[in-house]
Amino acid sequence: MLDPLPTYQTRIHALDAGRADVRIHFENLPLDVEVRGRLMGPRCPGVTTVEVAYRLAPLAAASGIYQVLIPEPNFWAPEHPFRYEGPVEFWRNGELQGRLTISLGLRSA
């Protein structure tokens, strides 16, 4: 098992009504560890939505940077707190090393 699990930072690289480009940077990620994950959504309490899974794709895997592209995102607002969340797993030599959950809302400044 990875001890500790990699820490991460999320950054919204680009965001408009047509697309969200989210970057996730996993810090202290060993080079021999494969990252598998997805964000699912949108989810919002009291609102029925069709959830879609958006896969994490390596952007610069050697530096621990992954990208999630979400077409036509739902924005987070206090009255409708839409969120995207999902599992991320860390694999080494075909064995699961650890798991965490990422959750985020998309909001323009």
PDB file of N, CA and C in Angstrom:
ATOM      1  N   MET A   1       0.842  -1.191   0.000  1.00  0.00           N
ATOM      2  CA  MET A   1       0.000   0.000   0.000  1.00  0.00           C
ATOM      3  C   MET A   1       0.884   1.249   0.000  1.00  0.00           C
ATOM      4  N   LEU A   2       0.387   2.288  -0.680  1.00  0.00           N
ATOM      5  CA  LEU A   2       1.089   3.567  -0.662  1.00  0.00           C
ATOM      6  C   LEU A   2       0.854   4.231   0.684  1.00  0.00           C
ATOM      7  N   ASP A   3       1.909   4.632   1.323  1.00  0.00           N
ATOM      8  CA  ASP A   3       1.783   5.288   2.613  1.00  0.00           C
ATOM      9  C   ASP A   3       2.792   6.413   2.671  1.00  0.00           C
ATOM     10  N   PRO A   4       2.355   7.641   2.605  1.00  0.00           N
ATOM     11  CA  PRO A   4       0.956   8.075   2.528  1.00  0.00           C
ATOM     12  C   PRO A   4       0.466   8.092   1.081  1.00  0.00           C
ATOM     13  N   LEU A   5      -0.860   8.219   0.923  1.00  0.00           N
ATOM     14  CA  LEU A   5      -1.423   8.399  -0.415  1.00  0.00           C
ATOM     15  C   LEU A   5      -0.947   9.725  -0.979  1.00  0.00           C
ATOM     16  N   PRO A   6      -0.835   9.837  -2.302  1.00  0.00           N
ATOM     17  CA  PRO A   6      -0.443  11.118  -2.878  1.00  0.00           C
ATOM     18  C   PRO A   6      -1.442  12.223  -2.518  1.00  0.00           C
ATOM     19  N   THR A   7      -0.921  13.389  -2.233  1.00  0.00           N
ATOM     20  CA  THR A   7      -1.781  14.552  -2.051  1.00  0.00           C
ATOM     21  C   THR A   7      -2.073  15.106  -3.437  1.00  0.00           C
ATOM     22  N   TYR A   8      -3.091  15.947  -3.535  1.00  0.00           N
ATOM     23  CA  TYR A   8      -3.440  16.459  -4.858  1.00  0.00           C
ATOM     24  C   TYR A   8      -3.986  17.871  -4.763  1.00  0.00           C
ATOM     25  N   GLN A   9      -3.903  18.554  -5.888  1.00  0.00           N
ATOM     26  CA  GLN A   9      -4.498  19.878  -6.057  1.00  0.00           C
ATOM     27  C   GLN A   9      -5.318  19.844  -7.339  1.00  0.00           C
ATOM     28  N   THR A  10      -6.509  20.432  -7.280  1.00  0.00           N
ATOM     29  CA  THR A  10      -7.310  20.568  -8.497  1.00  0.00           C
ATOM     30  C   THR A  10      -7.247  22.017  -8.946  1.00  0.00           C
ATOM     31  N   ARG A  11      -7.252  22.197 -10.246  1.00  0.00           N
ATOM     32  CA  ARG A  11      -7.231  23.539 -10.820  1.00  0.00           C
ATOM     33  C   ARG A  11      -8.129  23.533 -12.043  1.00  0.00           C
ATOM     34  N   ILE A  12      -8.965  24.538 -12.129  1.00  0.00           N
ATOM     35  CA  ILE A  12      -9.803  24.691 -13.317  1.00  0.00           C
ATOM     36  C   ILE A  12      -8.978  25.457 -14.337  1.00  0.00           C
ATOM     37  N   HIS A  13      -8.549  24.745 -15.362  1.00  0.00           N
ATOM     38  CA  HIS A  13      -7.686  25.333 -16.385  1.00  0.00           C
ATOM     39  C   HIS A  13      -8.481  26.224 -17.331  1.00  0.00           C
ATOM     40  N   ALA A  14      -9.692  25.771 -17.697  1.00  0.00           N
ATOM     41  CA  ALA A  14     -10.577  26.547 -18.576  1.00  0.00           C
ATOM     42  C   ALA A  14     -12.005  26.178 -18.226  1.00  0.00           C
ATOM     43  N   LEU A  15     -12.891  27.175 -18.279  1.00  0.00           N
ATOM     44  CA  LEU A  15     -14.280  26.921 -17.922  1.00  0.00           C
ATOM     45  C   LEU A  15     -15.190  27.887 -18.659  1.00  0.00           C
ATOM     46  N   ASP A  16     -16.146  27.332 -19.393  1.00  0.00           N
ATOM     47  CA  ASP A  16     -17.220  28.121 -19.986  1.00  0.00           C
ATOM     48  C   ASP A  16     -18.423  27.196 -20.136  1.00  0.00           C
ATOM     49  N   ALA A  17     -19.496  27.679 -20.700  1.00  0.00           N
ATOM     50  CA  ALA A  17     -20.718  26.884 -20.813  1.00  0.00           C
ATOM     51  C   ALA A  17     -20.530  25.644 -21.688  1.00  0.00           C
ATOM     52  N   GLY A  18     -19.542  25.658 -22.556  1.00  0.00           N
ATOM     53  CA  GLY A  18     -19.322  24.543 -23.471  1.00  0.00           C
ATOM     54  C   GLY A  18     -18.406  23.456 -22.953  1.00  0.00           C
ATOM     55  N   ARG A  19     -17.498  23.817 -21.987  1.00  0.00           N
ATOM     56  CA  ARG A  19     -16.517  22.827 -21.565  1.00  0.00           C
ATOM     57  C   ARG A  19     -15.797  23.264 -20.300  1.00  0.00           C
ATOM     58  N   ALA A  20     -15.525  22.282 -19.454  1.00  0.00           N
ATOM     59  CA  ALA A  20     -14.649  22.494 -18.297  1.00  0.00           C
ATOM     60  C   ALA A  20     -13.404  21.645 -18.509  1.00  0.00           C
ATOM     61  N   ASP A  21     -12.256  22.252 -18.316  1.00  0.00           N
ATOM     62  CA  ASP A  21     -10.970  21.569 -18.397  1.00  0.00           C
ATOM     63  C   ASP A  21     -10.380  21.618 -16.991  1.00  0.00           C
ATOM     64  N   VAL A  22     -10.435  20.479 -16.297  1.00  0.00           N
ATOM     65  CA  VAL A  22      -9.961  20.400 -14.922  1.00  0.00           C
ATOM     66  C   VAL A  22      -8.631  19.666 -14.909  1.00  0.00           C
ATOM     67  N   ARG A  23      -7.651  20.220 -14.196  1.00  0.00           N
ATOM     68  CA  ARG A  23      -6.338  19.586 -14.056  1.00  0.00           C
ATOM     69  C   ARG A  23      -6.176  19.145 -12.599  1.00  0.00           C
ATOM     70  N   ILE A  24      -5.704  17.935 -12.433  1.00  0.00           N
ATOM     71  CA  ILE A  24      -5.449  17.397 -11.107  1.00  0.00           C
ATOM     72  C   ILE A  24      -3.972  17.040 -11.038  1.00  0.00           C
ATOM     73  N   HIS A  25      -3.292  17.645 -10.082  1.00  0.00           N
ATOM     74  CA  HIS A  25      -1.861  17.402  -9.910  1.00  0.00           C
ATOM     75  C   HIS A  25      -1.661  16.560  -8.651  1.00  0.00           C
ATOM     76  N   PHE A  26      -1.203  15.337  -8.844  1.00  0.00           N
ATOM     77  CA  PHE A  26      -0.900  14.447  -7.726  1.00  0.00           C
ATOM     78  C   PHE A  26       0.551  14.672  -7.333  1.00  0.00           C
ATOM     79  N   GLU A  27       0.747  15.131  -6.121  1.00  0.00           N
ATOM     80  CA  GLU A  27       2.095  15.390  -5.622  1.00  0.00           C
ATOM     81  C   GLU A  27       2.617  14.119  -4.960  1.00  0.00           C
ATOM     82  N   ASN A  28       3.898  14.014  -4.869  1.00  0.00           N
ATOM     83  CA  ASN A  28       4.608  12.858  -4.285  1.00  0.00           C
ATOM     84  C   ASN A  28       4.096  11.524  -4.838  1.00  0.00           C
ATOM     85  N   LEU A  29       3.798  11.498  -6.139  1.00  0.00           N
ATOM     86  CA  LEU A  29       3.326  10.284  -6.807  1.00  0.00           C
ATOM     87  C   LEU A  29       4.534   9.516  -7.340  1.00  0.00           C
ATOM     88  N   PRO A  30       4.769   8.292  -6.865  1.00  0.00           N
ATOM     89  CA  PRO A  30       5.896   7.517  -7.385  1.00  0.00           C
ATOM     90  C   PRO A  30       5.744   7.266  -8.892  1.00  0.00           C
ATOM     91  N   LEU A  31       6.851   7.247  -9.601  1.00  0.00           N
ATOM     92  CA  LEU A  31       6.821   7.096 -11.056  1.00  0.00           C
ATOM     93  C   LEU A  31       6.262   5.754 -11.505  1.00  0.00           C
ATOM     94  N   ASP A  32       6.352   4.725 -10.668  1.00  0.00           N
ATOM     95  CA  ASP A  32       5.881   3.404 -11.078  1.00  0.00           C
ATOM     96  C   ASP A  32       4.421   3.144 -10.695  1.00  0.00           C
ATOM     97  N   VAL A  33       3.703   4.180 -10.297  1.00  0.00           N
ATOM     98  CA  VAL A  33       2.305   4.029  -9.895  1.00  0.00           C
ATOM     99  C   VAL A  33       1.398   4.534 -11.012  1.00  0.00           C
ATOM    100  N   GLU A  34       0.421   3.709 -11.365  1.00  0.00           N
ATOM    101  CA  GLU A  34      -0.569   4.058 -12.383  1.00  0.00           C
ATOM    102  C   GLU A  34      -1.800   4.652 -11.693  1.00  0.00           C
ATOM    103  N   VAL A  35      -2.302   5.750 -12.242  1.00  0.00           N
ATOM    104  CA  VAL A  35      -3.494   6.406 -11.708  1.00  0.00           C
ATOM    105  C   VAL A  35      -4.678   6.041 -12.593  1.00  0.00           C
ATOM    106  N   ARG A  36      -5.756   5.580 -11.962  1.00  0.00           N
ATOM    107  CA  ARG A  36      -7.004   5.275 -12.671  1.00  0.00           C
ATOM    108  C   ARG A  36      -8.128   5.985 -11.935  1.00  0.00           C
ATOM    109  N   GLY A  37      -8.963   6.692 -12.669  1.00  0.00           N
ATOM    110  CA  GLY A  37     -10.056   7.360 -11.985  1.00  0.00           C
ATOM    111  C   GLY A  37     -11.014   8.054 -12.924  1.00  0.00           C
ATOM    112  N   ARG A  38     -12.037   8.623 -12.296  1.00  0.00           N
ATOM    113  CA  ARG A  38     -13.059   9.340 -13.053  1.00  0.00           C
ATOM    114  C   ARG A  38     -13.789  10.275 -12.102  1.00  0.00           C
ATOM    115  N   LEU A  39     -14.356  11.305 -12.708  1.00  0.00           N
ATOM    116  CA  LEU A  39     -15.292  12.168 -11.996  1.00  0.00           C
ATOM    117  C   LEU A  39     -16.661  11.896 -12.586  1.00  0.00           C
ATOM    118  N   MET A  40     -17.664  11.817 -11.744  1.00  0.00           N
ATOM    119  CA  MET A  40     -19.023  11.545 -12.206  1.00  0.00           C
ATOM    120  C   MET A  40     -19.920  12.702 -11.805  1.00  0.00           C
ATOM    121  N   GLY A  41     -20.875  12.992 -12.654  1.00  0.00           N
ATOM    122  CA  GLY A  41     -21.791  14.073 -12.323  1.00  0.00           C
ATOM    123  C   GLY A  41     -22.506  14.551 -13.552  1.00  0.00           C
ATOM    124  N   PRO A  42     -23.258  15.612 -13.370  1.00  0.00           N
ATOM    125  CA  PRO A  42     -23.343  16.418 -12.157  1.00  0.00           C
ATOM    126  C   PRO A  42     -24.288  15.802 -11.126  1.00  0.00           C
ATOM    127  N   ARG A  43     -24.011  16.110  -9.858  1.00  0.00           N
ATOM    128  CA  ARG A  43     -24.862  15.700  -8.745  1.00  0.00           C
ATOM    129  C   ARG A  43     -25.273  16.947  -7.985  1.00  0.00           C
ATOM    130  N   CYS A  44     -26.549  16.984  -7.610  1.00  0.00           N
ATOM    131  CA  CYS A  44     -27.060  18.139  -6.868  1.00  0.00           C
ATOM    132  C   CYS A  44     -28.240  17.664  -6.025  1.00  0.00           C
ATOM    133  N   PRO A  45     -28.218  17.923  -4.724  1.00  0.00           N
ATOM    134  CA  PRO A  45     -29.343  17.522  -3.878  1.00  0.00           C
ATOM    135  C   PRO A  45     -30.653  18.129  -4.381  1.00  0.00           C
ATOM    136  N   GLY A  46     -31.680  17.292  -4.499  1.00  0.00           N
ATOM    137  CA  GLY A  46     -32.990  17.770  -4.907  1.00  0.00           C
ATOM    138  C   GLY A  46     -33.169  17.987  -6.391  1.00  0.00           C
ATOM    139  N   VAL A  47     -32.140  17.709  -7.188  1.00  0.00           N
ATOM    140  CA  VAL A  47     -32.218  17.904  -8.639  1.00  0.00           C
ATOM    141  C   VAL A  47     -31.922  16.567  -9.314  1.00  0.00           C
ATOM    142  N   THR A  48     -32.782  16.167 -10.243  1.00  0.00           N
ATOM    143  CA  THR A  48     -32.562  14.940 -10.998  1.00  0.00           C
ATOM    144  C   THR A  48     -31.683  15.263 -12.196  1.00  0.00           C
ATOM    145  N   THR A  49     -30.582  14.534 -12.311  1.00  0.00           N
ATOM    146  CA  THR A  49     -29.665  14.742 -13.429  1.00  0.00           C
ATOM    147  C   THR A  49     -29.310  13.397 -14.045  1.00  0.00           C
ATOM    148  N   VAL A  50     -28.764  13.439 -15.219  1.00  0.00           N
ATOM    149  CA  VAL A  50     -28.191  12.259 -15.843  1.00  0.00           C
ATOM    150  C   VAL A  50     -26.695  12.336 -15.574  1.00  0.00           C
ATOM    151  N   GLU A  51     -26.192  11.407 -14.781  1.00  0.00           N
ATOM    152  CA  GLU A  51     -24.769  11.410 -14.445  1.00  0.00           C
ATOM    153  C   GLU A  51     -23.961  10.731 -15.529  1.00  0.00           C
ATOM    154  N   VAL A  52     -22.822  11.311 -15.796  1.00  0.00           N
ATOM    155  CA  VAL A  52     -21.893  10.780 -16.784  1.00  0.00           C
ATOM    156  C   VAL A  52     -20.540  10.642 -16.091  1.00  0.00           C
ATOM    157  N   ALA A  53     -19.779   9.632 -16.469  1.00  0.00           N
ATOM    158  CA  ALA A  53     -18.431   9.452 -15.934  1.00  0.00           C
ATOM    159  C   ALA A  53     -17.420  10.074 -16.900  1.00  0.00           C
ATOM    160  N   TYR A  54     -16.543  10.904 -16.356  1.00  0.00           N
ATOM    161  CA  TYR A  54     -15.496  11.568 -17.145  1.00  0.00           C
ATOM    162  C   TYR A  54     -14.153  11.053 -16.641  1.00  0.00           C
ATOM    163  N   ARG A  55     -13.417  10.398 -17.498  1.00  0.00           N
ATOM    164  CA  ARG A  55     -12.173   9.717 -17.138  1.00  0.00           C
ATOM    165  C   ARG A  55     -11.011  10.690 -16.952  1.00  0.00           C
ATOM    166  N   LEU A  56     -10.167  10.386 -15.960  1.00  0.00           N
ATOM    167  CA  LEU A  56      -8.907  11.102 -15.801  1.00  0.00           C
ATOM    168  C   LEU A  56      -7.967  10.616 -16.890  1.00  0.00           C
ATOM    169  N   ALA A  57      -7.329  11.535 -17.575  1.00  0.00           N
ATOM    170  CA  ALA A  57      -6.380  11.181 -18.627  1.00  0.00           C
ATOM    171  C   ALA A  57      -5.037  11.810 -18.291  1.00  0.00           C
ATOM    172  N   PRO A  58      -3.960  11.059 -18.449  1.00  0.00           N
ATOM    173  CA  PRO A  58      -2.645  11.641 -18.149  1.00  0.00           C
ATOM    174  C   PRO A  58      -2.327  12.769 -19.120  1.00  0.00           C
ATOM    175  N   LEU A  59      -1.981  13.908 -18.569  1.00  0.00           N
ATOM    176  CA  LEU A  59      -1.572  15.052 -19.385  1.00  0.00           C
ATOM    177  C   LEU A  59      -0.045  15.109 -19.398  1.00  0.00           C
ATOM    178  N   ALA A  60       0.518  14.976 -18.236  1.00  0.00           N
ATOM    179  CA  ALA A  60       1.964  14.896 -18.060  1.00  0.00           C
ATOM    180  C   ALA A  60       2.184  13.902 -16.924  1.00  0.00           C
ATOM    181  N   ALA A  61       1.967  12.621 -17.218  1.00  0.00           N
ATOM    182  CA  ALA A  61       1.974  11.596 -16.175  1.00  0.00           C
ATOM    183  C   ALA A  61       3.276  11.578 -15.391  1.00  0.00           C
ATOM    184  N   ALA A  62       4.394  11.841 -16.062  1.00  0.00           N
ATOM    185  CA  ALA A  62       5.673  11.824 -15.359  1.00  0.00           C
ATOM    186  C   ALA A  62       5.730  12.893 -14.267  1.00  0.00           C
ATOM    187  N   SER A  63       4.932  13.954 -14.421  1.00  0.00           N
ATOM    188  CA  SER A  63       4.904  14.995 -13.387  1.00  0.00           C
ATOM    189  C   SER A  63       3.629  14.918 -12.546  1.00  0.00           C
ATOM    190  N   GLY A  64       2.828  13.870 -12.750  1.00  0.00           N
ATOM    191  CA  GLY A  64       1.642  13.663 -11.922  1.00  0.00           C
ATOM    192  C   GLY A  64       0.446  14.521 -12.281  1.00  0.00           C
ATOM    193  N   ILE A  65       0.397  15.044 -13.511  1.00  0.00           N
ATOM    194  CA  ILE A  65      -0.703  15.928 -13.917  1.00  0.00           C
ATOM    195  C   ILE A  65      -1.674  15.152 -14.809  1.00  0.00           C
ATOM    196  N   TYR A  66      -2.945  15.198 -14.416  1.00  0.00           N
ATOM    197  CA  TYR A  66      -4.010  14.522 -15.142  1.00  0.00           C
ATOM    198  C   TYR A  66      -5.093  15.528 -15.494  1.00  0.00           C
ATOM    199  N   GLN A  67      -5.845  15.223 -16.542  1.00  0.00           N
ATOM    200  CA  GLN A  67      -6.865  16.127 -17.057  1.00  0.00           C
ATOM    201  C   GLN A  67      -8.214  15.424 -17.094  1.00  0.00           C
ATOM    202  N   VAL A  68      -9.267  16.193 -16.794  1.00  0.00           N
ATOM    203  CA  VAL A  68     -10.644  15.731 -16.955  1.00  0.00           C
ATOM    204  C   VAL A  68     -11.356  16.785 -17.790  1.00  0.00           C
ATOM    205  N   LEU A  69     -11.956  16.378 -18.905  1.00  0.00           N
ATOM    206  CA  LEU A  69     -12.729  17.284 -19.750  1.00  0.00           C
ATOM    207  C   LEU A  69     -14.206  16.987 -19.552  1.00  0.00           C
ATOM    208  N   ILE A  70     -14.979  18.017 -19.224  1.00  0.00           N
ATOM    209  CA  ILE A  70     -16.409  17.872 -18.981  1.00  0.00           C
ATOM    210  C   ILE A  70     -17.145  18.783 -19.959  1.00  0.00           C
ATOM    211  N   PRO A  71     -17.833  18.204 -20.960  1.00  0.00           N
ATOM    212  CA  PRO A  71     -18.589  19.045 -21.891  1.00  0.00           C
ATOM    213  C   PRO A  71     -19.876  19.541 -21.228  1.00  0.00           C
ATOM    214  N   GLU A  72     -20.253  20.751 -21.559  1.00  0.00           N
ATOM    215  CA  GLU A  72     -21.482  21.376 -21.059  1.00  0.00           C
ATOM    216  C   GLU A  72     -21.663  21.178 -19.546  1.00  0.00           C
ATOM    217  N   PRO A  73     -20.723  21.689 -18.749  1.00  0.00           N
ATOM    218  CA  PRO A  73     -20.778  21.461 -17.304  1.00  0.00           C
ATOM    219  C   PRO A  73     -21.920  22.223 -16.629  1.00  0.00           C
ATOM    220  N   ASN A  74     -22.349  21.689 -15.502  1.00  0.00           N
ATOM    221  CA  ASN A  74     -23.292  22.401 -14.641  1.00  0.00           C
ATOM    222  C   ASN A  74     -22.474  23.135 -13.588  1.00  0.00           C
ATOM    223  N   PHE A  75     -22.741  24.422 -13.435  1.00  0.00           N
ATOM    224  CA  PHE A  75     -21.975  25.233 -12.508  1.00  0.00           C
ATOM    225  C   PHE A  75     -22.511  25.140 -11.083  1.00  0.00           C
ATOM    226  N   TRP A  76     -21.611  25.223 -10.126  1.00  0.00           N
ATOM    227  CA  TRP A  76     -21.972  25.253  -8.718  1.00  0.00           C
ATOM    228  C   TRP A  76     -22.502  26.648  -8.384  1.00  0.00           C
ATOM    229  N   ALA A  77     -23.596  26.703  -7.632  1.00  0.00           N
ATOM    230  CA  ALA A  77     -24.149  27.956  -7.113  1.00  0.00           C
ATOM    231  C   ALA A  77     -24.804  27.604  -5.778  1.00  0.00           C
ATOM    232  N   PRO A  78     -24.906  28.551  -4.854  1.00  0.00           N
ATOM    233  CA  PRO A  78     -25.501  28.237  -3.548  1.00  0.00           C
ATOM    234  C   PRO A  78     -26.893  27.613  -3.646  1.00  0.00           C
ATOM    235  N   GLU A  79     -27.705  28.076  -4.592  1.00  0.00           N
ATOM    236  CA  GLU A  79     -29.059  27.533  -4.719  1.00  0.00           C
ATOM    237  C   GLU A  79     -29.086  26.191  -5.454  1.00  0.00           C
ATOM    238  N   HIS A  80     -28.049  25.884  -6.242  1.00  0.00           N
ATOM    239  CA  HIS A  80     -27.913  24.609  -6.950  1.00  0.00           C
ATOM    240  C   HIS A  80     -26.449  24.174  -6.880  1.00  0.00           C
ATOM    241  N   PRO A  81     -26.066  23.528  -5.782  1.00  0.00           N
ATOM    242  CA  PRO A  81     -24.648  23.170  -5.607  1.00  0.00           C
ATOM    243  C   PRO A  81     -24.242  21.901  -6.384  1.00  0.00           C
ATOM    244  N   PHE A  82     -24.163  22.039  -7.712  1.00  0.00           N
ATOM    245  CA  PHE A  82     -23.761  20.912  -8.550  1.00  0.00           C
ATOM    246  C   PHE A  82     -22.317  20.538  -8.253  1.00  0.00           C
ATOM    247  N   ARG A  83     -22.059  19.233  -8.168  1.00  0.00           N
ATOM    248  CA  ARG A  83     -20.723  18.725  -7.887  1.00  0.00           C
ATOM    249  C   ARG A  83     -20.398  17.573  -8.833  1.00  0.00           C
ATOM    250  N   TYR A  84     -19.124  17.396  -9.036  1.00  0.00           N
ATOM    251  CA  TYR A  84     -18.587  16.263  -9.775  1.00  0.00           C
ATOM    252  C   TYR A  84     -17.652  15.542  -8.807  1.00  0.00           C
ATOM    253  N   GLU A  85     -17.818  14.234  -8.691  1.00  0.00           N
ATOM    254  CA  GLU A  85     -16.976  13.501  -7.753  1.00  0.00           C
ATOM    255  C   GLU A  85     -16.762  12.082  -8.234  1.00  0.00           C
ATOM    256  N   GLY A  86     -15.705  11.494  -7.739  1.00  0.00           N
ATOM    257  CA  GLY A  86     -15.447  10.121  -8.137  1.00  0.00           C
ATOM    258  C   GLY A  86     -14.195   9.551  -7.528  1.00  0.00           C
ATOM    259  N   PRO A  87     -14.018   8.257  -7.738  1.00  0.00           N
ATOM    260  CA  PRO A  87     -12.879   7.552  -7.164  1.00  0.00           C
ATOM    261  C   PRO A  87     -11.620   7.691  -8.013  1.00  0.00           C
ATOM    262  N   VAL A  88     -10.498   7.704  -7.319  1.00  0.00           N
ATOM    263  CA  VAL A  88      -9.194   7.647  -7.966  1.00  0.00           C
ATOM    264  C   VAL A  88      -8.431   6.521  -7.287  1.00  0.00           C
ATOM    265  N   GLU A  89      -7.877   5.635  -8.097  1.00  0.00           N
ATOM    266  CA  GLU A  89      -7.135   4.496  -7.566  1.00  0.00           C
ATOM    267  C   GLU A  89      -5.685   4.561  -8.013  1.00  0.00           C
ATOM    268  N   PHE A  90      -4.818   4.039  -7.171  1.00  0.00           N
ATOM    269  CA  PHE A  90      -3.387   4.008  -7.442  1.00  0.00           C
ATOM    270  C   PHE A  90      -2.949   2.543  -7.512  1.00  0.00           C
ATOM    271  N   TRP A  91      -2.372   2.159  -8.663  1.00  0.00           N
ATOM    272  CA  TRP A  91      -2.005   0.771  -8.927  1.00  0.00           C
ATOM    273  C   TRP A  91      -0.502   0.657  -9.160  1.00  0.00           C
ATOM    274  N   ARG A  92       0.057  -0.440  -8.659  1.00  0.00           N
ATOM    275  CA  ARG A  92       1.473  -0.737  -8.889  1.00  0.00           C
ATOM    276  C   ARG A  92       1.589  -2.241  -9.145  1.00  0.00           C
ATOM    277  N   ASN A  93       2.185  -2.605 -10.273  1.00  0.00           N
ATOM    278  CA  ASN A  93       2.387  -4.020 -10.627  1.00  0.00           C
ATOM    279  C   ASN A  93       1.095  -4.825 -10.552  1.00  0.00           C
ATOM    280  N   GLY A  94      -0.013  -4.245 -11.034  1.00  0.00           N
ATOM    281  CA  GLY A  94      -1.280  -4.950 -11.071  1.00  0.00           C
ATOM    282  C   GLY A  94      -1.999  -5.060  -9.736  1.00  0.00           C
ATOM    283  N   GLU A  95      -1.495  -4.386  -8.704  1.00  0.00           N
ATOM    284  CA  GLU A  95      -2.120  -4.449  -7.388  1.00  0.00           C
ATOM    285  C   GLU A  95      -2.574  -3.059  -6.950  1.00  0.00           C
ATOM    286  N   LEU A  96      -3.785  -3.004  -6.418  1.00  0.00           N
ATOM    287  CA  LEU A  96      -4.322  -1.753  -5.898  1.00  0.00           C
ATOM    288  C   LEU A  96      -3.505  -1.325  -4.687  1.00  0.00           C
ATOM    289  N   GLN A  97      -3.021  -0.082  -4.714  1.00  0.00           N
ATOM    290  CA  GLN A  97      -2.183   0.446  -3.637  1.00  0.00           C
ATOM    291  C   GLN A  97      -2.920   1.421  -2.737  1.00  0.00           C
ATOM    292  N   GLY A  98      -4.026   1.963  -3.221  1.00  0.00           N
ATOM    293  CA  GLY A  98      -4.776   2.926  -2.421  1.00  0.00           C
ATOM    294  C   GLY A  98      -5.857   3.580  -3.246  1.00  0.00           C
ATOM    295  N   ARG A  99      -6.751   4.246  -2.557  1.00  0.00           N
ATOM    296  CA  ARG A  99      -7.897   4.859  -3.220  1.00  0.00           C
ATOM    297  C   ARG A  99      -8.271   6.129  -2.468  1.00  0.00           C
ATOM    298  N   LEU A 100      -8.723   7.127  -3.213  1.00  0.00           N
ATOM    299  CA  LEU A 100      -9.273   8.335  -2.616  1.00  0.00           C
ATOM    300  C   LEU A 100     -10.426   8.826  -3.468  1.00  0.00           C
ATOM    301  N   THR A 101     -11.199   9.761  -2.930  1.00  0.00           N
ATOM    302  CA  THR A 101     -12.336  10.337  -3.656  1.00  0.00           C
ATOM    303  C   THR A 101     -12.087  11.818  -3.853  1.00  0.00           C
ATOM    304  N   ILE A 102     -12.286  12.276  -5.082  1.00  0.00           N
ATOM    305  CA  ILE A 102     -12.179  13.699  -5.408  1.00  0.00           C
ATOM    306  C   ILE A 102     -13.582  14.241  -5.621  1.00  0.00           C
ATOM    307  N   SER A 103     -13.837  15.414  -5.074  1.00  0.00           N
ATOM    308  CA  SER A 103     -15.149  16.070  -5.216  1.00  0.00           C
ATOM    309  C   SER A 103     -14.895  17.548  -5.474  1.00  0.00           C
ATOM    310  N   LEU A 104     -15.576  18.093  -6.486  1.00  0.00           N
ATOM    311  CA  LEU A 104     -15.390  19.515  -6.775  1.00  0.00           C
ATOM    312  C   LEU A 104     -16.632  20.120  -7.416  1.00  0.00           C
ATOM    313  N   GLY A 105     -16.778  21.398  -7.225  1.00  0.00           N
ATOM    314  CA  GLY A 105     -17.799  22.178  -7.890  1.00  0.00           C
ATOM    315  C   GLY A 105     -17.133  23.091  -8.890  1.00  0.00           C
ATOM    316  N   LEU A 106     -17.804  23.382  -9.967  1.00  0.00           N
ATOM    317  CA  LEU A 106     -17.271  24.248 -11.017  1.00  0.00           C
ATOM    318  C   LEU A 106     -17.958  25.602 -10.923  1.00  0.00           C
ATOM    319  N   ARG A 107     -17.170  26.624 -10.738  1.00  0.00           N
ATOM    320  CA  ARG A 107     -17.718  27.958 -10.547  1.00  0.00           C
ATOM    321  C   ARG A 107     -16.805  28.978 -11.185  1.00  0.00           C
ATOM    322  N   SER A 108     -17.381  29.886 -11.957  1.00  0.00           N
ATOM    323  CA  SER A 108     -16.560  30.914 -12.583  1.00  0.00           C
ATOM    324  C   SER A 108     -16.372  32.074 -11.598  1.00  0.00           C
ATOM    325  N   ALA A 109     -15.260  32.743 -11.741  1.00  0.00           N
ATOM    326  CA  ALA A 109     -14.923  33.831 -10.825  1.00  0.00           C
ATOM    327  C   ALA A 109     -15.756  35.078 -11.095  1.00  0.00           C
TER     328      ALA A 109
END
